[in-house]
Amino acid sequence: GPTYAISIVLSAQLGFALLWDSLGWLGLTRVPFTMQQLVGVL
């Protein structure tokens, strides 16, 4: 269904964006990982 599928997609998108930002992968500027970011994703 649309709502559940998109909710999962957006959660995964946010989680992986946090991971890639924190690690500075794919040419991204490294952004320090914080517990507030993790809590936000959770």
Full PDB file with SEQRES, HELIX, SHEET, SSBOND, CRYST1, ORIGX, SCALE, CONECT and MASTER records, all heavy atoms in Angstrom:
SEQRES   1 A   42  GLY PRO THR TYR ALA ILE SER ILE VAL LEU SER ALA GLN          
SEQRES   2 A   42  LEU GLY PHE ALA LEU LEU TRP ASP SER LEU GLY TRP LEU          
SEQRES   3 A   42  GLY LEU THR ARG VAL PRO PHE THR MET GLN GLN LEU VAL          
SEQRES   4 A   42  GLY VAL LEU                                                  
HELIX    1 AA1 PRO A    2  LEU A   23  1                                  22    
HELIX    2 AA2 TRP A   25  GLY A   27  5                                   3    
HELIX    3 AA3 MET A   35  VAL A   41  1                                   7    
CRYST1    1.000    1.000    1.000  90.00  90.00  90.00 P 1           1          
ORIGX1      1.000000  0.000000  0.000000        0.00000                         
ORIGX2      0.000000  1.000000  0.000000        0.00000                         
ORIGX3      0.000000  0.000000  1.000000        0.00000                         
SCALE1      1.000000  0.000000  0.000000        0.00000                         
SCALE2      0.000000  1.000000  0.000000        0.00000                         
SCALE3      0.000000  0.000000  1.000000        0.00000                         
ATOM      1  N   GLY A   1       0.845  -1.190   0.000  1.00  0.00           N  
ATOM      2  CA  GLY A   1       0.000   0.000   0.000  1.00  0.00           C  
ATOM      3  C   GLY A   1       0.878   1.238   0.000  1.00  0.00           C  
ATOM      4  O   GLY A   1       2.033   1.190   0.443  1.00  0.00           O  
ATOM      5  N   PRO A   2       0.355   2.365  -0.496  1.00  0.00           N  
ATOM      6  CA  PRO A   2       1.172   3.564  -0.669  1.00  0.00           C  
ATOM      7  C   PRO A   2       1.760   4.131   0.623  1.00  0.00           C  
ATOM      8  O   PRO A   2       2.948   4.421   0.690  1.00  0.00           O  
ATOM      9  CB  PRO A   2       0.224   4.578  -1.304  1.00  0.00           C  
ATOM     10  CG  PRO A   2      -0.931   3.818  -1.797  1.00  0.00           C  
ATOM     11  CD  PRO A   2      -0.991   2.540  -1.031  1.00  0.00           C  
ATOM     12  N   THR A   3       0.961   4.285   1.664  1.00  0.00           N  
ATOM     13  CA  THR A   3       1.443   4.965   2.866  1.00  0.00           C  
ATOM     14  C   THR A   3       2.535   4.170   3.563  1.00  0.00           C  
ATOM     15  O   THR A   3       3.579   4.716   3.929  1.00  0.00           O  
ATOM     16  CB  THR A   3       0.280   5.238   3.835  1.00  0.00           C  
ATOM     17  OG1 THR A   3      -0.746   5.944   3.122  1.00  0.00           O  
ATOM     18  CG2 THR A   3       0.722   6.056   5.012  1.00  0.00           C  
ATOM     19  N   TYR A   4       2.311   2.887   3.726  1.00  0.00           N  
ATOM     20  CA  TYR A   4       3.293   2.059   4.415  1.00  0.00           C  
ATOM     21  C   TYR A   4       4.575   1.940   3.593  1.00  0.00           C  
ATOM     22  O   TYR A   4       5.681   2.084   4.126  1.00  0.00           O  
ATOM     23  CB  TYR A   4       2.690   0.681   4.701  1.00  0.00           C  
ATOM     24  CG  TYR A   4       3.514  -0.202   5.602  1.00  0.00           C  
ATOM     25  CD1 TYR A   4       4.118   0.291   6.743  1.00  0.00           C  
ATOM     26  CD2 TYR A   4       3.679  -1.544   5.304  1.00  0.00           C  
ATOM     27  CE1 TYR A   4       4.869  -0.530   7.564  1.00  0.00           C  
ATOM     28  CE2 TYR A   4       4.428  -2.371   6.119  1.00  0.00           C  
ATOM     29  CZ  TYR A   4       5.025  -1.856   7.245  1.00  0.00           C  
ATOM     30  OH  TYR A   4       5.777  -2.662   8.062  1.00  0.00           O  
ATOM     31  N   ALA A   5       4.456   1.712   2.301  1.00  0.00           N  
ATOM     32  CA  ALA A   5       5.643   1.582   1.446  1.00  0.00           C  
ATOM     33  C   ALA A   5       6.462   2.872   1.442  1.00  0.00           C  
ATOM     34  O   ALA A   5       7.684   2.836   1.602  1.00  0.00           O  
ATOM     35  CB  ALA A   5       5.232   1.207   0.023  1.00  0.00           C  
ATOM     36  N   ILE A   6       5.804   4.006   1.282  1.00  0.00           N  
ATOM     37  CA  ILE A   6       6.526   5.279   1.246  1.00  0.00           C  
ATOM     38  C   ILE A   6       7.143   5.587   2.604  1.00  0.00           C  
ATOM     39  O   ILE A   6       8.246   6.129   2.684  1.00  0.00           O  
ATOM     40  CB  ILE A   6       5.597   6.423   0.777  1.00  0.00           C  
ATOM     41  CG1 ILE A   6       5.125   6.178  -0.655  1.00  0.00           C  
ATOM     42  CG2 ILE A   6       6.281   7.778   0.892  1.00  0.00           C  
ATOM     43  CD1 ILE A   6       6.238   6.036  -1.672  1.00  0.00           C  
ATOM     44  N   SER A   7       6.451   5.228   3.685  1.00  0.00           N  
ATOM     45  CA  SER A   7       7.020   5.433   5.022  1.00  0.00           C  
ATOM     46  C   SER A   7       8.324   4.669   5.179  1.00  0.00           C  
ATOM     47  O   SER A   7       9.304   5.184   5.724  1.00  0.00           O  
ATOM     48  CB  SER A   7       6.032   4.983   6.099  1.00  0.00           C  
ATOM     49  OG  SER A   7       4.861   5.735   6.048  1.00  0.00           O  
ATOM     50  N   ILE A   8       8.351   3.442   4.703  1.00  0.00           N  
ATOM     51  CA  ILE A   8       9.567   2.630   4.787  1.00  0.00           C  
ATOM     52  C   ILE A   8      10.653   3.218   3.893  1.00  0.00           C  
ATOM     53  O   ILE A   8      11.820   3.323   4.287  1.00  0.00           O  
ATOM     54  CB  ILE A   8       9.263   1.167   4.420  1.00  0.00           C  
ATOM     55  CG1 ILE A   8       8.363   0.543   5.492  1.00  0.00           C  
ATOM     56  CG2 ILE A   8      10.549   0.362   4.253  1.00  0.00           C  
ATOM     57  CD1 ILE A   8       7.809  -0.811   5.130  1.00  0.00           C  
ATOM     58  N   VAL A   9      10.273   3.622   2.688  1.00  0.00           N  
ATOM     59  CA  VAL A   9      11.248   4.223   1.761  1.00  0.00           C  
ATOM     60  C   VAL A   9      11.867   5.474   2.382  1.00  0.00           C  
ATOM     61  O   VAL A   9      13.092   5.648   2.353  1.00  0.00           O  
ATOM     62  CB  VAL A   9      10.582   4.558   0.407  1.00  0.00           C  
ATOM     63  CG1 VAL A   9      11.476   5.442  -0.440  1.00  0.00           C  
ATOM     64  CG2 VAL A   9      10.223   3.290  -0.345  1.00  0.00           C  
ATOM     65  N   LEU A  10      11.041   6.341   2.943  1.00  0.00           N  
ATOM     66  CA  LEU A  10      11.568   7.577   3.531  1.00  0.00           C  
ATOM     67  C   LEU A  10      12.444   7.295   4.747  1.00  0.00           C  
ATOM     68  O   LEU A  10      13.468   7.963   4.938  1.00  0.00           O  
ATOM     69  CB  LEU A  10      10.428   8.521   3.887  1.00  0.00           C  
ATOM     70  CG  LEU A  10       9.655   9.080   2.696  1.00  0.00           C  
ATOM     71  CD1 LEU A  10       8.503   9.957   3.160  1.00  0.00           C  
ATOM     72  CD2 LEU A  10      10.575   9.860   1.765  1.00  0.00           C  
ATOM     73  N   SER A  11      12.066   6.313   5.554  1.00  0.00           N  
ATOM     74  CA  SER A  11      12.895   5.946   6.706  1.00  0.00           C  
ATOM     75  C   SER A  11      14.250   5.413   6.252  1.00  0.00           C  
ATOM     76  O   SER A  11      15.294   5.790   6.798  1.00  0.00           O  
ATOM     77  CB  SER A  11      12.188   4.886   7.551  1.00  0.00           C  
ATOM     78  OG  SER A  11      10.977   5.378   8.056  1.00  0.00           O  
ATOM     79  N   ALA A  12      14.228   4.537   5.244  1.00  0.00           N  
ATOM     80  CA  ALA A  12      15.486   4.005   4.711  1.00  0.00           C  
ATOM     81  C   ALA A  12      16.325   5.113   4.085  1.00  0.00           C  
ATOM     82  O   ALA A  12      17.550   5.153   4.271  1.00  0.00           O  
ATOM     83  CB  ALA A  12      15.191   2.915   3.680  1.00  0.00           C  
ATOM     84  N   GLN A  13      15.668   6.011   3.360  1.00  0.00           N  
ATOM     85  CA  GLN A  13      16.386   7.125   2.727  1.00  0.00           C  
ATOM     86  C   GLN A  13      17.069   7.989   3.779  1.00  0.00           C  
ATOM     87  O   GLN A  13      18.246   8.343   3.641  1.00  0.00           O  
ATOM     88  CB  GLN A  13      15.394   7.949   1.915  1.00  0.00           C  
ATOM     89  CG  GLN A  13      16.022   9.043   1.102  1.00  0.00           C  
ATOM     90  CD  GLN A  13      14.980   9.777   0.252  1.00  0.00           C  
ATOM     91  OE1 GLN A  13      13.796   9.483   0.284  1.00  0.00           O  
ATOM     92  NE2 GLN A  13      15.449  10.743  -0.499  1.00  0.00           N  
ATOM     93  N   LEU A  14      16.355   8.315   4.836  1.00  0.00           N  
ATOM     94  CA  LEU A  14      16.929   9.136   5.895  1.00  0.00           C  
ATOM     95  C   LEU A  14      18.063   8.405   6.612  1.00  0.00           C  
ATOM     96  O   LEU A  14      19.121   8.983   6.879  1.00  0.00           O  
ATOM     97  CB  LEU A  14      15.838   9.537   6.888  1.00  0.00           C  
ATOM     98  CG  LEU A  14      16.247  10.494   7.988  1.00  0.00           C  
ATOM     99  CD1 LEU A  14      16.780  11.805   7.417  1.00  0.00           C  
ATOM    100  CD2 LEU A  14      15.069  10.762   8.901  1.00  0.00           C  
ATOM    101  N   GLY A  15      17.867   7.126   6.906  1.00  0.00           N  
ATOM    102  CA  GLY A  15      18.905   6.350   7.583  1.00  0.00           C  
ATOM    103  C   GLY A  15      20.180   6.239   6.762  1.00  0.00           C  
ATOM    104  O   GLY A  15      21.287   6.439   7.280  1.00  0.00           O  
ATOM    105  N   PHE A  16      20.033   5.944   5.479  1.00  0.00           N  
ATOM    106  CA  PHE A  16      21.224   5.829   4.638  1.00  0.00           C  
ATOM    107  C   PHE A  16      21.873   7.188   4.370  1.00  0.00           C  
ATOM    108  O   PHE A  16      23.104   7.285   4.276  1.00  0.00           O  
ATOM    109  CB  PHE A  16      20.906   5.101   3.330  1.00  0.00           C  
ATOM    110  CG  PHE A  16      20.868   3.614   3.498  1.00  0.00           C  
ATOM    111  CD1 PHE A  16      19.658   2.949   3.605  1.00  0.00           C  
ATOM    112  CD2 PHE A  16      22.034   2.878   3.600  1.00  0.00           C  
ATOM    113  CE1 PHE A  16      19.603   1.575   3.786  1.00  0.00           C  
ATOM    114  CE2 PHE A  16      22.008   1.509   3.783  1.00  0.00           C  
ATOM    115  CZ  PHE A  16      20.788   0.849   3.880  1.00  0.00           C  
ATOM    116  N   ALA A  17      21.078   8.242   4.273  1.00  0.00           N  
ATOM    117  CA  ALA A  17      21.650   9.584   4.113  1.00  0.00           C  
ATOM    118  C   ALA A  17      22.487   9.938   5.337  1.00  0.00           C  
ATOM    119  O   ALA A  17      23.586  10.500   5.211  1.00  0.00           O  
ATOM    120  CB  ALA A  17      20.540  10.615   3.898  1.00  0.00           C  
ATOM    121  N   LEU A  18      21.986   9.593   6.526  1.00  0.00           N  
ATOM    122  CA  LEU A  18      22.744   9.826   7.755  1.00  0.00           C  
ATOM    123  C   LEU A  18      24.050   9.043   7.737  1.00  0.00           C  
ATOM    124  O   LEU A  18      25.114   9.580   8.066  1.00  0.00           O  
ATOM    125  CB  LEU A  18      21.895   9.434   8.973  1.00  0.00           C  
ATOM    126  CG  LEU A  18      22.579   9.496  10.330  1.00  0.00           C  
ATOM    127  CD1 LEU A  18      23.052  10.910  10.644  1.00  0.00           C  
ATOM    128  CD2 LEU A  18      21.630   8.989  11.413  1.00  0.00           C  
ATOM    129  N   LEU A  19      23.982   7.779   7.314  1.00  0.00           N  
ATOM    130  CA  LEU A  19      25.185   6.951   7.239  1.00  0.00           C  
ATOM    131  C   LEU A  19      26.204   7.542   6.278  1.00  0.00           C  
ATOM    132  O   LEU A  19      27.381   7.709   6.615  1.00  0.00           O  
ATOM    133  CB  LEU A  19      24.808   5.523   6.817  1.00  0.00           C  
ATOM    134  CG  LEU A  19      25.971   4.560   6.594  1.00  0.00           C  
ATOM    135  CD1 LEU A  19      26.655   4.231   7.918  1.00  0.00           C  
ATOM    136  CD2 LEU A  19      25.490   3.303   5.901  1.00  0.00           C  
ATOM    137  N   TRP A  20      25.756   7.871   5.057  1.00  0.00           N  
ATOM    138  CA  TRP A  20      26.694   8.385   4.049  1.00  0.00           C  
ATOM    139  C   TRP A  20      27.241   9.764   4.415  1.00  0.00           C  
ATOM    140  O   TRP A  20      28.405  10.054   4.182  1.00  0.00           O  
ATOM    141  CB  TRP A  20      26.045   8.395   2.665  1.00  0.00           C  
ATOM    142  CG  TRP A  20      25.796   7.007   2.154  1.00  0.00           C  
ATOM    143  CD1 TRP A  20      26.590   5.904   2.331  1.00  0.00           C  
ATOM    144  CD2 TRP A  20      24.673   6.549   1.413  1.00  0.00           C  
ATOM    145  NE1 TRP A  20      26.028   4.802   1.743  1.00  0.00           N  
ATOM    146  CE2 TRP A  20      24.849   5.166   1.169  1.00  0.00           C  
ATOM    147  CE3 TRP A  20      23.528   7.161   0.929  1.00  0.00           C  
ATOM    148  CZ2 TRP A  20      23.933   4.407   0.453  1.00  0.00           C  
ATOM    149  CZ3 TRP A  20      22.615   6.390   0.218  1.00  0.00           C  
ATOM    150  CH2 TRP A  20      22.822   5.037  -0.011  1.00  0.00           C  
ATOM    151  N   ASP A  21      26.405  10.614   5.012  1.00  0.00           N  
ATOM    152  CA  ASP A  21      26.893  11.913   5.484  1.00  0.00           C  
ATOM    153  C   ASP A  21      27.944  11.724   6.578  1.00  0.00           C  
ATOM    154  O   ASP A  21      28.985  12.378   6.572  1.00  0.00           O  
ATOM    155  CB  ASP A  21      25.746  12.754   6.055  1.00  0.00           C  
ATOM    156  CG  ASP A  21      25.037  13.587   5.016  1.00  0.00           C  
ATOM    157  OD1 ASP A  21      25.530  13.685   3.877  1.00  0.00           O  
ATOM    158  OD2 ASP A  21      23.971  14.155   5.344  1.00  0.00           O  
ATOM    159  N   SER A  22      27.650  10.839   7.512  1.00  0.00           N  
ATOM    160  CA  SER A  22      28.559  10.631   8.644  1.00  0.00           C  
ATOM    161  C   SER A  22      29.893  10.042   8.211  1.00  0.00           C  
ATOM    162  O   SER A  22      30.929  10.338   8.808  1.00  0.00           O  
ATOM    163  CB  SER A  22      27.908   9.704   9.674  1.00  0.00           C  
ATOM    164  OG  SER A  22      26.733  10.290  10.187  1.00  0.00           O  
ATOM    165  N   LEU A  23      29.866   9.209   7.181  1.00  0.00           N  
ATOM    166  CA  LEU A  23      31.097   8.583   6.704  1.00  0.00           C  
ATOM    167  C   LEU A  23      31.783   9.389   5.605  1.00  0.00           C  
ATOM    168  O   LEU A  23      32.930   9.113   5.257  1.00  0.00           O  
ATOM    169  CB  LEU A  23      30.805   7.164   6.216  1.00  0.00           C  
ATOM    170  CG  LEU A  23      30.288   6.198   7.288  1.00  0.00           C  
ATOM    171  CD1 LEU A  23      29.885   4.873   6.659  1.00  0.00           C  
ATOM    172  CD2 LEU A  23      31.325   5.998   8.380  1.00  0.00           C  
ATOM    173  N   GLY A  24      31.081  10.365   5.044  1.00  0.00           N  
ATOM    174  CA  GLY A  24      31.655  11.175   3.977  1.00  0.00           C  
ATOM    175  C   GLY A  24      31.844  10.406   2.682  1.00  0.00           C  
ATOM    176  O   GLY A  24      32.746  10.684   1.900  1.00  0.00           O  
ATOM    177  N   TRP A  25      30.984   9.432   2.418  1.00  0.00           N  
ATOM    178  CA  TRP A  25      31.096   8.606   1.210  1.00  0.00           C  
ATOM    179  C   TRP A  25      30.600   9.342  -0.025  1.00  0.00           C  
ATOM    180  O   TRP A  25      29.845  10.293   0.054  1.00  0.00           O  
ATOM    181  CB  TRP A  25      30.301   7.330   1.360  1.00  0.00           C  
ATOM    182  CG  TRP A  25      30.900   6.319   2.309  1.00  0.00           C  
ATOM    183  CD1 TRP A  25      32.078   6.411   2.988  1.00  0.00           C  
ATOM    184  CD2 TRP A  25      30.322   5.077   2.690  1.00  0.00           C  
ATOM    185  NE1 TRP A  25      32.280   5.310   3.757  1.00  0.00           N  
ATOM    186  CE2 TRP A  25      31.216   4.463   3.599  1.00  0.00           C  
ATOM    187  CE3 TRP A  25      29.160   4.413   2.368  1.00  0.00           C  
ATOM    188  CZ2 TRP A  25      30.981   3.231   4.177  1.00  0.00           C  
ATOM    189  CZ3 TRP A  25      28.913   3.173   2.949  1.00  0.00           C  
ATOM    190  CH2 TRP A  25      29.820   2.594   3.832  1.00  0.00           C  
ATOM    191  N   LEU A  26      31.037   8.847  -1.161  1.00  0.00           N  
ATOM    192  CA  LEU A  26      30.577   9.314  -2.473  1.00  0.00           C  
ATOM    193  C   LEU A  26      30.816  10.806  -2.686  1.00  0.00           C  
ATOM    194  O   LEU A  26      30.034  11.488  -3.339  1.00  0.00           O  
ATOM    195  CB  LEU A  26      29.087   8.970  -2.670  1.00  0.00           C  
ATOM    196  CG  LEU A  26      28.735   7.486  -2.538  1.00  0.00           C  
ATOM    197  CD1 LEU A  26      27.232   7.290  -2.529  1.00  0.00           C  
ATOM    198  CD2 LEU A  26      29.380   6.679  -3.648  1.00  0.00           C  
ATOM    199  N   GLY A  27      31.883  11.314  -2.122  1.00  0.00           N  
ATOM    200  CA  GLY A  27      32.245  12.705  -2.341  1.00  0.00           C  
ATOM    201  C   GLY A  27      31.492  13.693  -1.466  1.00  0.00           C  
ATOM    202  O   GLY A  27      31.601  14.901  -1.679  1.00  0.00           O  
ATOM    203  N   LEU A  28      30.728  13.210  -0.495  1.00  0.00           N  
ATOM    204  CA  LEU A  28      29.991  14.107   0.399  1.00  0.00           C  
ATOM    205  C   LEU A  28      30.925  14.688   1.451  1.00  0.00           C  
ATOM    206  O   LEU A  28      31.891  14.042   1.864  1.00  0.00           O  
ATOM    207  CB  LEU A  28      28.864  13.349   1.108  1.00  0.00           C  
ATOM    208  CG  LEU A  28      27.758  12.796   0.223  1.00  0.00           C  
ATOM    209  CD1 LEU A  28      26.813  11.927   1.047  1.00  0.00           C  
ATOM    210  CD2 LEU A  28      26.992  13.931  -0.427  1.00  0.00           C  
ATOM    211  N   THR A  29      30.612  15.890   1.891  1.00  0.00           N  
ATOM    212  CA  THR A  29      31.341  16.474   3.004  1.00  0.00           C  
ATOM    213  C   THR A  29      30.946  15.730   4.264  1.00  0.00           C  
ATOM    214  O   THR A  29      29.761  15.541   4.529  1.00  0.00           O  
ATOM    215  CB  THR A  29      30.986  17.972   3.146  1.00  0.00           C  
ATOM    216  OG1 THR A  29      31.301  18.628   1.925  1.00  0.00           O  
ATOM    217  CG2 THR A  29      31.739  18.604   4.290  1.00  0.00           C  
ATOM    218  N   ARG A  30      31.932  15.293   5.014  1.00  0.00           N  
ATOM    219  CA  ARG A  30      31.653  14.501   6.210  1.00  0.00           C  
ATOM    220  C   ARG A  30      30.978  15.367   7.263  1.00  0.00           C  
ATOM    221  O   ARG A  30      31.447  16.447   7.593  1.00  0.00           O  
ATOM    222  CB  ARG A  30      32.949  13.924   6.759  1.00  0.00           C  
ATOM    223  CG  ARG A  30      32.726  12.919   7.838  1.00  0.00           C  
ATOM    224  CD  ARG A  30      33.965  12.075   8.064  1.00  0.00           C  
ATOM    225  NE  ARG A  30      33.619  10.977   8.932  1.00  0.00           N  
ATOM    226  CZ  ARG A  30      34.238  10.715  10.051  1.00  0.00           C  
ATOM    227  NH1 ARG A  30      35.271  11.446  10.430  1.00  0.00           N  
ATOM    228  NH2 ARG A  30      33.857   9.704  10.798  1.00  0.00           N  
ATOM    229  N   VAL A  31      29.844  14.885   7.751  1.00  0.00           N  
ATOM    230  CA  VAL A  31      29.085  15.559   8.798  1.00  0.00           C  
ATOM    231  C   VAL A  31      29.197  14.707  10.046  1.00  0.00           C  
ATOM    232  O   VAL A  31      28.869  13.513  10.011  1.00  0.00           O  
ATOM    233  CB  VAL A  31      27.596  15.717   8.385  1.00  0.00           C  
ATOM    234  CG1 VAL A  31      26.789  16.338   9.509  1.00  0.00           C  
ATOM    235  CG2 VAL A  31      27.489  16.523   7.111  1.00  0.00           C  
ATOM    236  N   PRO A  32      29.657  15.287  11.156  1.00  0.00           N  
ATOM    237  CA  PRO A  32      29.810  14.481  12.370  1.00  0.00           C  
ATOM    238  C   PRO A  32      28.487  13.855  12.808  1.00  0.00           C  
ATOM    239  O   PRO A  32      27.446  14.506  12.810  1.00  0.00           O  
ATOM    240  CB  PRO A  32      30.298  15.489  13.420  1.00  0.00           C  
ATOM    241  CG  PRO A  32      30.848  16.631  12.636  1.00  0.00           C  
ATOM    242  CD  PRO A  32      30.080  16.667  11.348  1.00  0.00           C  
ATOM    243  N   PHE A  33      28.556  12.577  13.155  1.00  0.00           N  
ATOM    244  CA  PHE A  33      27.387  11.831  13.627  1.00  0.00           C  
ATOM    245  C   PHE A  33      27.057  12.270  15.049  1.00  0.00           C  
ATOM    246  O   PHE A  33      27.943  12.408  15.885  1.00  0.00           O  
ATOM    247  CB  PHE A  33      27.696  10.334  13.593  1.00  0.00           C  
ATOM    248  CG  PHE A  33      26.594   9.478  14.117  1.00  0.00           C  
ATOM    249  CD1 PHE A  33      25.521   9.148  13.313  1.00  0.00           C  
ATOM    250  CD2 PHE A  33      26.630   9.007  15.420  1.00  0.00           C  
ATOM    251  CE1 PHE A  33      24.494   8.355  13.796  1.00  0.00           C  
ATOM    252  CE2 PHE A  33      25.618   8.207  15.906  1.00  0.00           C  
ATOM    253  CZ  PHE A  33      24.538   7.882  15.092  1.00  0.00           C  
ATOM    254  N   THR A  34      25.762  12.488  15.320  1.00  0.00           N  
ATOM    255  CA  THR A  34      25.341  12.844  16.681  1.00  0.00           C  
ATOM    256  C   THR A  34      24.229  11.899  17.132  1.00  0.00           C  
ATOM    257  O   THR A  34      23.513  11.322  16.308  1.00  0.00           O  
ATOM    258  CB  THR A  34      24.819  14.299  16.758  1.00  0.00           C  
ATOM    259  OG1 THR A  34      23.615  14.398  15.983  1.00  0.00           O  
ATOM    260  CG2 THR A  34      25.855  15.291  16.251  1.00  0.00           C  
ATOM    261  N   MET A  35      24.071  11.806  18.422  1.00  0.00           N  
ATOM    262  CA  MET A  35      23.001  10.975  18.974  1.00  0.00           C  
ATOM    263  C   MET A  35      21.633  11.568  18.618  1.00  0.00           C  
ATOM    264  O   MET A  35      20.672  10.827  18.440  1.00  0.00           O  
ATOM    265  CB  MET A  35      23.148  10.840  20.487  1.00  0.00           C  
ATOM    266  CG  MET A  35      24.281   9.915  20.903  1.00  0.00           C  
ATOM    267  SD  MET A  35      24.212   8.274  20.126  1.00  0.00           S  
ATOM    268  CE  MET A  35      22.761   7.591  20.867  1.00  0.00           C  
ATOM    269  N   GLN A  36      21.526  12.888  18.501  1.00  0.00           N  
ATOM    270  CA  GLN A  36      20.258  13.510  18.127  1.00  0.00           C  
ATOM    271  C   GLN A  36      19.814  13.038  16.740  1.00  0.00           C  
ATOM    272  O   GLN A  36      18.629  12.803  16.509  1.00  0.00           O  
ATOM    273  CB  GLN A  36      20.355  15.044  18.138  1.00  0.00           C  
ATOM    274  CG  GLN A  36      20.463  15.636  19.514  1.00  0.00           C  
ATOM    275  CD  GLN A  36      21.916  15.815  19.961  1.00  0.00           C  
ATOM    276  OE1 GLN A  36      22.844  15.222  19.395  1.00  0.00           O  
ATOM    277  NE2 GLN A  36      22.116  16.611  20.989  1.00  0.00           N  
ATOM    278  N   GLN A  37      20.767  12.897  15.833  1.00  0.00           N  
ATOM    279  CA  GLN A  37      20.434  12.404  14.491  1.00  0.00           C  
ATOM    280  C   GLN A  37      19.921  10.967  14.559  1.00  0.00           C  
ATOM    281  O   GLN A  37      18.924  10.621  13.926  1.00  0.00           O  
ATOM    282  CB  GLN A  37      21.656  12.480  13.576  1.00  0.00           C  
ATOM    283  CG  GLN A  37      22.098  13.891  13.270  1.00  0.00           C  
ATOM    284  CD  GLN A  37      23.459  13.916  12.600  1.00  0.00           C  
ATOM    285  OE1 GLN A  37      24.317  13.072  12.860  1.00  0.00           O  
ATOM    286  NE2 GLN A  37      23.655  14.901  11.735  1.00  0.00           N  
ATOM    287  N   LEU A  38      20.600  10.136  15.333  1.00  0.00           N  
ATOM    288  CA  LEU A  38      20.179   8.742  15.479  1.00  0.00           C  
ATOM    289  C   LEU A  38      18.791   8.663  16.108  1.00  0.00           C  
ATOM    290  O   LEU A  38      17.926   7.921  15.650  1.00  0.00           O  
ATOM    291  CB  LEU A  38      21.188   7.956  16.318  1.00  0.00           C  
ATOM    292  CG  LEU A  38      20.824   6.493  16.585  1.00  0.00           C  
ATOM    293  CD1 LEU A  38      20.716   5.714  15.265  1.00  0.00           C  
ATOM    294  CD2 LEU A  38      21.843   5.851  17.514  1.00  0.00           C  
ATOM    295  N   VAL A  39      18.553   9.450  17.155  1.00  0.00           N  
ATOM    296  CA  VAL A  39      17.248   9.461  17.803  1.00  0.00           C  
ATOM    297  C   VAL A  39      16.178   9.913  16.816  1.00  0.00           C  
ATOM    298  O   VAL A  39      15.084   9.340  16.758  1.00  0.00           O  
ATOM    299  CB  VAL A  39      17.257  10.348  19.074  1.00  0.00           C  
ATOM    300  CG1 VAL A  39      15.851  10.595  19.598  1.00  0.00           C  
ATOM    301  CG2 VAL A  39      18.126   9.717  20.155  1.00  0.00           C  
ATOM    302  N   GLY A  40      16.481  10.912  15.989  1.00  0.00           N  
ATOM    303  CA  GLY A  40      15.527  11.378  14.986  1.00  0.00           C  
ATOM    304  C   GLY A  40      15.135  10.276  14.018  1.00  0.00           C  
ATOM    305  O   GLY A  40      13.952  10.085  13.718  1.00  0.00           O  
ATOM    306  N   VAL A  41      16.115   9.531  13.533  1.00  0.00           N  
ATOM    307  CA  VAL A  41      15.832   8.421  12.614  1.00  0.00           C  
ATOM    308  C   VAL A  41      15.027   7.341  13.327  1.00  0.00           C  
ATOM    309  O   VAL A  41      14.047   6.816  12.780  1.00  0.00           O  
ATOM    310  CB  VAL A  41      17.140   7.839  12.020  1.00  0.00           C  
ATOM    311  CG1 VAL A  41      16.864   6.561  11.249  1.00  0.00           C  
ATOM    312  CG2 VAL A  41      17.810   8.868  11.124  1.00  0.00           C  
ATOM    313  N   LEU A  42      15.399   7.023  14.553  1.00  0.00           N  
ATOM    314  CA  LEU A  42      14.684   5.992  15.309  1.00  0.00           C  
ATOM    315  C   LEU A  42      13.242   6.408  15.612  1.00  0.00           C  
ATOM    316  O   LEU A  42      12.337   5.564  15.602  1.00  0.00           O  
ATOM    317  CB  LEU A  42      15.439   5.640  16.597  1.00  0.00           C  
ATOM    318  CG  LEU A  42      16.783   4.936  16.389  1.00  0.00           C  
ATOM    319  CD1 LEU A  42      17.486   4.728  17.732  1.00  0.00           C  
ATOM    320  CD2 LEU A  42      16.611   3.620  15.650  1.00  0.00           C  
TER     321      LEU A  42                                                      
MASTER        0    0    0    3    0    0    0    6  320    1    0    4          
END                                                                             
